[in-house]
């Protein structure tokens, strides 16, 4: 499996589902309190932006728009981020 496939799988199978779960959890917390704090709104916006960026990367991979070094760098960053959790 090449790095492009690894990156796509990591995004589709781990990163995006984790982001969506975190977004859902935050929505649940906000719903229960009936009011979102400024920090919660900011966190929600950041997670949504990250999810959008992940989908954009998947699209770029599908169109072969990323160079091998970009793919490797993204893969390394995401793996590092994932292991820090």
PDB file of N, CA and C in Angstrom:
ATOM      1  N   UNK A   1       0.856  -1.180   0.000  1.00  0.00           N
ATOM      2  CA  UNK A   1       0.000   0.000   0.000  1.00  0.00           C
ATOM      3  C   UNK A   1       0.903   1.244   0.000  1.00  0.00           C
ATOM      4  N   UNK A   2       0.649   2.137  -0.934  1.00  0.00           N
ATOM      5  CA  UNK A   2       1.466   3.350  -1.005  1.00  0.00           C
ATOM      6  C   UNK A   2       0.968   4.416  -0.023  1.00  0.00           C
ATOM      7  N   UNK A   3       1.742   5.480   0.099  1.00  0.00           N
ATOM      8  CA  UNK A   3       1.399   6.526   1.070  1.00  0.00           C
ATOM      9  C   UNK A   3       0.071   7.210   0.764  1.00  0.00           C
ATOM     10  N   UNK A   4      -0.263   7.360  -0.503  1.00  0.00           N
ATOM     11  CA  UNK A   4      -1.539   7.989  -0.869  1.00  0.00           C
ATOM     12  C   UNK A   4      -2.704   7.136  -0.358  1.00  0.00           C
ATOM     13  N   UNK A   5      -2.600   5.824  -0.526  1.00  0.00           N
ATOM     14  CA  UNK A   5      -3.647   4.923  -0.030  1.00  0.00           C
ATOM     15  C   UNK A   5      -3.709   4.946   1.493  1.00  0.00           C
ATOM     16  N   UNK A   6      -2.538   4.964   2.128  1.00  0.00           N
ATOM     17  CA  UNK A   6      -2.488   5.019   3.590  1.00  0.00           C
ATOM     18  C   UNK A   6      -3.137   6.294   4.101  1.00  0.00           C
ATOM     19  N   UNK A   7      -2.833   7.419   3.446  1.00  0.00           N
ATOM     20  CA  UNK A   7      -3.402   8.702   3.850  1.00  0.00           C
ATOM     21  C   UNK A   7      -4.920   8.697   3.674  1.00  0.00           C
ATOM     22  N   UNK A   8      -5.375   8.209   2.535  1.00  0.00           N
ATOM     23  CA  UNK A   8      -6.818   8.155   2.277  1.00  0.00           C
ATOM     24  C   UNK A   8      -7.528   7.275   3.305  1.00  0.00           C
ATOM     25  N   UNK A   9      -6.968   6.115   3.593  1.00  0.00           N
ATOM     26  CA  UNK A   9      -7.563   5.219   4.576  1.00  0.00           C
ATOM     27  C   UNK A   9      -7.572   5.839   5.967  1.00  0.00           C
ATOM     28  N   UNK A  10      -6.480   6.473   6.345  1.00  0.00           N
ATOM     29  CA  UNK A  10      -6.406   7.115   7.657  1.00  0.00           C
ATOM     30  C   UNK A  10      -7.485   8.184   7.778  1.00  0.00           C
ATOM     31  N   UNK A  11      -7.647   8.984   6.735  1.00  0.00           N
ATOM     32  CA  UNK A  11      -8.661  10.039   6.758  1.00  0.00           C
ATOM     33  C   UNK A  11     -10.066   9.447   6.810  1.00  0.00           C
ATOM     34  N   UNK A  12     -10.350   8.501   5.922  1.00  0.00           N
ATOM     35  CA  UNK A  12     -11.703   7.953   5.811  1.00  0.00           C
ATOM     36  C   UNK A  12     -12.097   7.047   6.978  1.00  0.00           C
ATOM     37  N   UNK A  13     -11.146   6.295   7.499  1.00  0.00           N
ATOM     38  CA  UNK A  13     -11.472   5.282   8.504  1.00  0.00           C
ATOM     39  C   UNK A  13     -11.244   5.733   9.941  1.00  0.00           C
ATOM     40  N   UNK A  14     -10.416   6.761  10.133  1.00  0.00           N
ATOM     41  CA  UNK A  14     -10.114   7.169  11.496  1.00  0.00           C
ATOM     42  C   UNK A  14     -10.341   8.655  11.763  1.00  0.00           C
ATOM     43  N   UNK A  15      -9.694   9.507  11.010  1.00  0.00           N
ATOM     44  CA  UNK A  15      -9.721  10.941  11.300  1.00  0.00           C
ATOM     45  C   UNK A  15     -11.122  11.525  11.148  1.00  0.00           C
ATOM     46  N   UNK A  16     -11.747  11.327   9.997  1.00  0.00           N
ATOM     47  CA  UNK A  16     -13.078  11.897   9.760  1.00  0.00           C
ATOM     48  C   UNK A  16     -14.118  11.315  10.725  1.00  0.00           C
ATOM     49  N   UNK A  17     -14.163   9.986  10.923  1.00  0.00           N
ATOM     50  CA  UNK A  17     -15.125   9.476  11.914  1.00  0.00           C
ATOM     51  C   UNK A  17     -14.885  10.031  13.319  1.00  0.00           C
ATOM     52  N   UNK A  18     -13.615  10.197  13.713  1.00  0.00           N
ATOM     53  CA  UNK A  18     -13.310  10.774  15.024  1.00  0.00           C
ATOM     54  C   UNK A  18     -13.793  12.217  15.115  1.00  0.00           C
ATOM     55  N   UNK A  19     -13.566  12.978  14.052  1.00  0.00           N
ATOM     56  CA  UNK A  19     -14.031  14.370  14.030  1.00  0.00           C
ATOM     57  C   UNK A  19     -15.552  14.441  14.109  1.00  0.00           C
ATOM     58  N   UNK A  20     -16.221  13.592  13.341  1.00  0.00           N
ATOM     59  CA  UNK A  20     -17.682  13.601  13.351  1.00  0.00           C
ATOM     60  C   UNK A  20     -18.230  13.199  14.717  1.00  0.00           C
ATOM     61  N   UNK A  21     -17.573  12.252  15.372  1.00  0.00           N
ATOM     62  CA  UNK A  21     -18.006  11.855  16.718  1.00  0.00           C
ATOM     63  C   UNK A  21     -17.805  13.006  17.705  1.00  0.00           C
ATOM     64  N   UNK A  22     -16.681  13.707  17.585  1.00  0.00           N
ATOM     65  CA  UNK A  22     -16.413  14.840  18.475  1.00  0.00           C
ATOM     66  C   UNK A  22     -17.395  15.977  18.226  1.00  0.00           C
ATOM     67  N   UNK A  23     -17.737  16.212  16.969  1.00  0.00           N
ATOM     68  CA  UNK A  23     -18.720  17.242  16.627  1.00  0.00           C
ATOM     69  C   UNK A  23     -20.080  16.865  17.218  1.00  0.00           C
ATOM     70  N   UNK A  24     -20.479  15.616  17.046  1.00  0.00           N
ATOM     71  CA  UNK A  24     -21.759  15.155  17.604  1.00  0.00           C
ATOM     72  C   UNK A  24     -21.783  15.290  19.124  1.00  0.00           C
ATOM     73  N   UNK A  25     -20.678  14.932  19.763  1.00  0.00           N
ATOM     74  CA  UNK A  25     -20.594  15.018  21.220  1.00  0.00           C
ATOM     75  C   UNK A  25     -20.717  16.461  21.689  1.00  0.00           C
ATOM     76  N   UNK A  26     -20.039  17.360  20.986  1.00  0.00           N
ATOM     77  CA  UNK A  26     -20.109  18.775  21.350  1.00  0.00           C
ATOM     78  C   UNK A  26     -21.521  19.316  21.138  1.00  0.00           C
ATOM     79  N   UNK A  27     -22.167  18.916  20.043  1.00  0.00           N
ATOM     80  CA  UNK A  27     -23.554  19.317  19.812  1.00  0.00           C
ATOM     81  C   UNK A  27     -24.450  18.837  20.954  1.00  0.00           C
ATOM     82  N   UNK A  28     -24.214  17.624  21.413  1.00  0.00           N
ATOM     83  CA  UNK A  28     -25.003  17.074  22.505  1.00  0.00           C
ATOM     84  C   UNK A  28     -24.819  17.886  23.781  1.00  0.00           C
ATOM     85  N   UNK A  29     -23.588  18.248  24.082  1.00  0.00           N
ATOM     86  CA  UNK A  29     -23.299  19.058  25.274  1.00  0.00           C
ATOM     87  C   UNK A  29     -23.980  20.423  25.151  1.00  0.00           C
ATOM     88  N   UNK A  30     -23.880  21.023  23.986  1.00  0.00           N
ATOM     89  CA  UNK A  30     -24.501  22.329  23.756  1.00  0.00           C
ATOM     90  C   UNK A  30     -26.013  22.227  23.873  1.00  0.00           C
ATOM     91  N   UNK A  31     -26.568  21.165  23.313  1.00  0.00           N
ATOM     92  CA  UNK A  31     -28.025  20.969  23.358  1.00  0.00           C
ATOM     93  C   UNK A  31     -28.520  20.825  24.797  1.00  0.00           C
ATOM     94  N   UNK A  32     -27.775  20.079  25.594  1.00  0.00           N
ATOM     95  CA  UNK A  32     -28.174  19.875  26.987  1.00  0.00           C
ATOM     96  C   UNK A  32     -28.132  21.175  27.784  1.00  0.00           C
ATOM     97  N   UNK A  33     -27.147  22.021  27.493  1.00  0.00           N
ATOM     98  CA  UNK A  33     -27.023  23.273  28.242  1.00  0.00           C
ATOM     99  C   UNK A  33     -27.878  24.385  27.624  1.00  0.00           C
ATOM    100  N   UNK A  34     -28.383  24.138  26.405  1.00  0.00           N
ATOM    101  CA  UNK A  34     -29.226  25.094  25.671  1.00  0.00           C
ATOM    102  C   UNK A  34     -28.491  26.391  25.313  1.00  0.00           C
ATOM    103  N   UNK A  35     -27.177  26.390  25.516  1.00  0.00           N
ATOM    104  CA  UNK A  35     -26.404  27.584  25.200  1.00  0.00           C
ATOM    105  C   UNK A  35     -24.953  27.177  24.967  1.00  0.00           C
ATOM    106  N   UNK A  36     -24.362  27.703  23.924  1.00  0.00           N
ATOM    107  CA  UNK A  36     -22.971  27.384  23.614  1.00  0.00           C
ATOM    108  C   UNK A  36     -22.067  28.510  24.086  1.00  0.00           C
ATOM    109  N   UNK A  37     -21.002  28.134  24.758  1.00  0.00           N
ATOM    110  CA  UNK A  37     -20.030  29.139  25.176  1.00  0.00           C
ATOM    111  C   UNK A  37     -19.208  29.574  23.965  1.00  0.00           C
ATOM    112  N   UNK A  38     -18.497  30.652  24.122  1.00  0.00           N
ATOM    113  CA  UNK A  38     -17.647  31.136  23.037  1.00  0.00           C
ATOM    114  C   UNK A  38     -16.602  30.080  22.678  1.00  0.00           C
ATOM    115  N   UNK A  39     -16.054  29.422  23.695  1.00  0.00           N
ATOM    116  CA  UNK A  39     -15.056  28.382  23.474  1.00  0.00           C
ATOM    117  C   UNK A  39     -15.658  27.196  22.721  1.00  0.00           C
ATOM    118  N   UNK A  40     -16.868  26.792  23.086  1.00  0.00           N
ATOM    119  CA  UNK A  40     -17.531  25.685  22.396  1.00  0.00           C
ATOM    120  C   UNK A  40     -17.801  26.025  20.940  1.00  0.00           C
ATOM    121  N   UNK A  41     -18.237  27.252  20.694  1.00  0.00           N
ATOM    122  CA  UNK A  41     -18.479  27.678  19.312  1.00  0.00           C
ATOM    123  C   UNK A  41     -17.192  27.641  18.505  1.00  0.00           C
ATOM    124  N   UNK A  42     -16.103  28.089  19.118  1.00  0.00           N
ATOM    125  CA  UNK A  42     -14.806  28.098  18.442  1.00  0.00           C
ATOM    126  C   UNK A  42     -14.333  26.662  18.176  1.00  0.00           C
ATOM    127  N   UNK A  43     -14.475  25.792  19.171  1.00  0.00           N
ATOM    128  CA  UNK A  43     -14.091  24.382  18.993  1.00  0.00           C
ATOM    129  C   UNK A  43     -14.892  23.736  17.871  1.00  0.00           C
ATOM    130  N   UNK A  44     -16.181  24.001  17.849  1.00  0.00           N
ATOM    131  CA  UNK A  44     -17.052  23.437  16.823  1.00  0.00           C
ATOM    132  C   UNK A  44     -16.629  23.909  15.437  1.00  0.00           C
ATOM    133  N   UNK A  45     -16.356  25.187  15.312  1.00  0.00           N
ATOM    134  CA  UNK A  45     -15.921  25.740  14.026  1.00  0.00           C
ATOM    135  C   UNK A  45     -14.601  25.127  13.580  1.00  0.00           C
ATOM    136  N   UNK A  46     -13.657  24.956  14.506  1.00  0.00           N
ATOM    137  CA  UNK A  46     -12.365  24.364  14.168  1.00  0.00           C
ATOM    138  C   UNK A  46     -12.520  22.917  13.709  1.00  0.00           C
ATOM    139  N   UNK A  47     -13.362  22.158  14.390  1.00  0.00           N
ATOM    140  CA  UNK A  47     -13.577  20.757  14.001  1.00  0.00           C
ATOM    141  C   UNK A  47     -14.248  20.664  12.639  1.00  0.00           C
ATOM    142  N   UNK A  48     -15.191  21.550  12.383  1.00  0.00           N
ATOM    143  CA  UNK A  48     -15.853  21.552  11.068  1.00  0.00           C
ATOM    144  C   UNK A  48     -14.857  21.891   9.966  1.00  0.00           C
ATOM    145  N   UNK A  49     -13.985  22.857  10.228  1.00  0.00           N
ATOM    146  CA  UNK A  49     -12.966  23.228   9.239  1.00  0.00           C
ATOM    147  C   UNK A  49     -12.017  22.067   8.986  1.00  0.00           C
ATOM    148  N   UNK A  50     -11.612  21.384  10.058  1.00  0.00           N
ATOM    149  CA  UNK A  50     -10.723  20.230   9.892  1.00  0.00           C
ATOM    150  C   UNK A  50     -11.393  19.145   9.054  1.00  0.00           C
ATOM    151  N   UNK A  51     -12.672  18.895   9.319  1.00  0.00           N
ATOM    152  CA  UNK A  51     -13.408  17.876   8.555  1.00  0.00           C
ATOM    153  C   UNK A  51     -13.464  18.274   7.076  1.00  0.00           C
ATOM    154  N   UNK A  52     -13.739  19.539   6.805  1.00  0.00           N
ATOM    155  CA  UNK A  52     -13.779  20.030   5.423  1.00  0.00           C
ATOM    156  C   UNK A  52     -12.420  19.862   4.750  1.00  0.00           C
ATOM    157  N   UNK A  53     -11.353  20.174   5.478  1.00  0.00           N
ATOM    158  CA  UNK A  53     -10.005  20.013   4.928  1.00  0.00           C
ATOM    159  C   UNK A  53      -9.700  18.550   4.630  1.00  0.00           C
ATOM    160  N   UNK A  54     -10.157  17.651   5.490  1.00  0.00           N
ATOM    161  CA  UNK A  54      -9.941  16.219   5.262  1.00  0.00           C
ATOM    162  C   UNK A  54     -10.632  15.763   3.983  1.00  0.00           C
ATOM    163  N   UNK A  55     -11.878  16.192   3.797  1.00  0.00           N
ATOM    164  CA  UNK A  55     -12.587  15.840   2.562  1.00  0.00           C
ATOM    165  C   UNK A  55     -11.892  16.431   1.340  1.00  0.00           C
ATOM    166  N   UNK A  56     -11.343  17.636   1.473  1.00  0.00           N
ATOM    167  CA  UNK A  56     -10.620  18.269   0.357  1.00  0.00           C
ATOM    168  C   UNK A  56      -9.365  17.467   0.013  1.00  0.00           C
ATOM    169  N   UNK A  57      -8.662  16.983   1.022  1.00  0.00           N
ATOM    170  CA  UNK A  57      -7.464  16.172   0.781  1.00  0.00           C
ATOM    171  C   UNK A  57      -7.839  14.886   0.054  1.00  0.00           C
ATOM    172  N   UNK A  58      -8.924  14.260   0.460  1.00  0.00           N
ATOM    173  CA  UNK A  58      -9.370  13.031  -0.208  1.00  0.00           C
ATOM    174  C   UNK A  58      -9.683  13.312  -1.676  1.00  0.00           C
ATOM    175  N   UNK A  59     -10.339  14.437  -1.944  1.00  0.00           N
ATOM    176  CA  UNK A  59     -10.642  14.803  -3.340  1.00  0.00           C
ATOM    177  C   UNK A  59      -9.357  15.033  -4.127  1.00  0.00           C
ATOM    178  N   UNK A  60      -8.396  15.733  -3.514  1.00  0.00           N
ATOM    179  CA  UNK A  60      -7.121  15.985  -4.193  1.00  0.00           C
ATOM    180  C   UNK A  60      -6.380  14.680  -4.469  1.00  0.00           C
ATOM    181  N   UNK A  61      -6.444  13.748  -3.537  1.00  0.00           N
ATOM    182  CA  UNK A  61      -5.822  12.442  -3.762  1.00  0.00           C
ATOM    183  C   UNK A  61      -6.476  11.742  -4.951  1.00  0.00           C
ATOM    184  N   UNK A  62      -7.785  11.828  -5.036  1.00  0.00           N
ATOM    185  CA  UNK A  62      -8.508  11.200  -6.137  1.00  0.00           C
ATOM    186  C   UNK A  62      -8.168  11.780  -7.496  1.00  0.00           C
ATOM    187  N   UNK A  63      -7.794  13.056  -7.497  1.00  0.00           N
ATOM    188  CA  UNK A  63      -7.419  13.719  -8.748  1.00  0.00           C
ATOM    189  C   UNK A  63      -5.904  13.736  -8.965  1.00  0.00           C
ATOM    190  N   UNK A  64      -5.177  13.040  -8.101  1.00  0.00           N
ATOM    191  CA  UNK A  64      -3.707  12.987  -8.174  1.00  0.00           C
ATOM    192  C   UNK A  64      -3.080  14.379  -8.189  1.00  0.00           C
ATOM    193  N   UNK A  65      -3.588  15.268  -7.344  1.00  0.00           N
ATOM    194  CA  UNK A  65      -3.100  16.642  -7.304  1.00  0.00           C
ATOM    195  C   UNK A  65      -2.021  16.872  -6.253  1.00  0.00           C
ATOM    196  N   UNK A  66      -1.747  15.871  -5.441  1.00  0.00           N
ATOM    197  CA  UNK A  66      -0.750  16.037  -4.387  1.00  0.00           C
ATOM    198  C   UNK A  66       0.556  15.348  -4.781  1.00  0.00           C
ATOM    199  N   UNK A  67       1.659  16.020  -4.489  1.00  0.00           N
ATOM    200  CA  UNK A  67       2.977  15.449  -4.743  1.00  0.00           C
ATOM    201  C   UNK A  67       3.295  14.423  -3.655  1.00  0.00           C
ATOM    202  N   UNK A  68       4.190  13.511  -3.963  1.00  0.00           N
ATOM    203  CA  UNK A  68       4.559  12.450  -3.016  1.00  0.00           C
ATOM    204  C   UNK A  68       5.056  13.015  -1.691  1.00  0.00           C
ATOM    205  N   UNK A  69       5.837  14.098  -1.742  1.00  0.00           N
ATOM    206  CA  UNK A  69       6.354  14.669  -0.494  1.00  0.00           C
ATOM    207  C   UNK A  69       5.244  15.318   0.332  1.00  0.00           C
ATOM    208  N   UNK A  70       4.252  15.903  -0.340  1.00  0.00           N
ATOM    209  CA  UNK A  70       3.106  16.473   0.376  1.00  0.00           C
ATOM    210  C   UNK A  70       2.298  15.368   1.060  1.00  0.00           C
ATOM    211  N   UNK A  71       2.105  14.281   0.350  1.00  0.00           N
ATOM    212  CA  UNK A  71       1.363  13.147   0.893  1.00  0.00           C
ATOM    213  C   UNK A  71       2.077  12.589   2.118  1.00  0.00           C
ATOM    214  N   UNK A  72       3.381  12.418   1.991  1.00  0.00           N
ATOM    215  CA  UNK A  72       4.165  11.880   3.111  1.00  0.00           C
ATOM    216  C   UNK A  72       4.116  12.809   4.319  1.00  0.00           C
ATOM    217  N   UNK A  73       4.225  14.107   4.070  1.00  0.00           N
ATOM    218  CA  UNK A  73       4.176  15.086   5.163  1.00  0.00           C
ATOM    219  C   UNK A  73       2.813  15.071   5.862  1.00  0.00           C
ATOM    220  N   UNK A  74       1.741  15.069   5.079  1.00  0.00           N
ATOM    221  CA  UNK A  74       0.393  15.008   5.656  1.00  0.00           C
ATOM    222  C   UNK A  74       0.187  13.719   6.453  1.00  0.00           C
ATOM    223  N   UNK A  75       0.630  12.619   5.894  1.00  0.00           N
ATOM    224  CA  UNK A  75       0.490  11.327   6.560  1.00  0.00           C
ATOM    225  C   UNK A  75       1.227  11.336   7.897  1.00  0.00           C
ATOM    226  N   UNK A  76       2.465  11.832   7.885  1.00  0.00           N
ATOM    227  CA  UNK A  76       3.250  11.879   9.116  1.00  0.00           C
ATOM    228  C   UNK A  76       2.598  12.776  10.161  1.00  0.00           C
ATOM    229  N   UNK A  77       2.091  13.934   9.739  1.00  0.00           N
ATOM    230  CA  UNK A  77       1.430  14.861  10.670  1.00  0.00           C
ATOM    231  C   UNK A  77       0.188  14.226  11.286  1.00  0.00           C
ATOM    232  N   UNK A  78      -0.610  13.577  10.466  1.00  0.00           N
ATOM    233  CA  UNK A  78      -1.847  12.975  10.966  1.00  0.00           C
ATOM    234  C   UNK A  78      -1.572  11.781  11.876  1.00  0.00           C
ATOM    235  N   UNK A  79      -0.584  10.975  11.531  1.00  0.00           N
ATOM    236  CA  UNK A  79      -0.232   9.839  12.383  1.00  0.00           C
ATOM    237  C   UNK A  79       0.278  10.359  13.727  1.00  0.00           C
ATOM    238  N   UNK A  80       1.100  11.398  13.689  1.00  0.00           N
ATOM    239  CA  UNK A  80       1.608  11.991  14.923  1.00  0.00           C
ATOM    240  C   UNK A  80       0.463  12.556  15.762  1.00  0.00           C
ATOM    241  N   UNK A  81      -0.444  13.255  15.121  1.00  0.00           N
ATOM    242  CA  UNK A  81      -1.594  13.828  15.817  1.00  0.00           C
ATOM    243  C   UNK A  81      -2.445  12.710  16.439  1.00  0.00           C
ATOM    244  N   UNK A  82      -2.635  11.647  15.689  1.00  0.00           N
ATOM    245  CA  UNK A  82      -3.463  10.525  16.147  1.00  0.00           C
ATOM    246  C   UNK A  82      -2.818   9.815  17.342  1.00  0.00           C
ATOM    247  N   UNK A  83      -1.507   9.686  17.340  1.00  0.00           N
ATOM    248  CA  UNK A  83      -0.828   8.986  18.430  1.00  0.00           C
ATOM    249  C   UNK A  83      -0.763   9.844  19.691  1.00  0.00           C
ATOM    250  N   UNK A  84      -0.901  11.149  19.555  1.00  0.00           N
ATOM    251  CA  UNK A  84      -0.894  12.042  20.720  1.00  0.00           C
ATOM    252  C   UNK A  84      -2.189  11.971  21.504  1.00  0.00           C
ATOM    253  N   UNK A  85      -3.257  11.492  20.896  1.00  0.00           N
ATOM    254  CA  UNK A  85      -4.571  11.433  21.553  1.00  0.00           C
ATOM    255  C   UNK A  85      -4.570  10.592  22.762  1.00  0.00           C
TER     256      UNK A  85
END
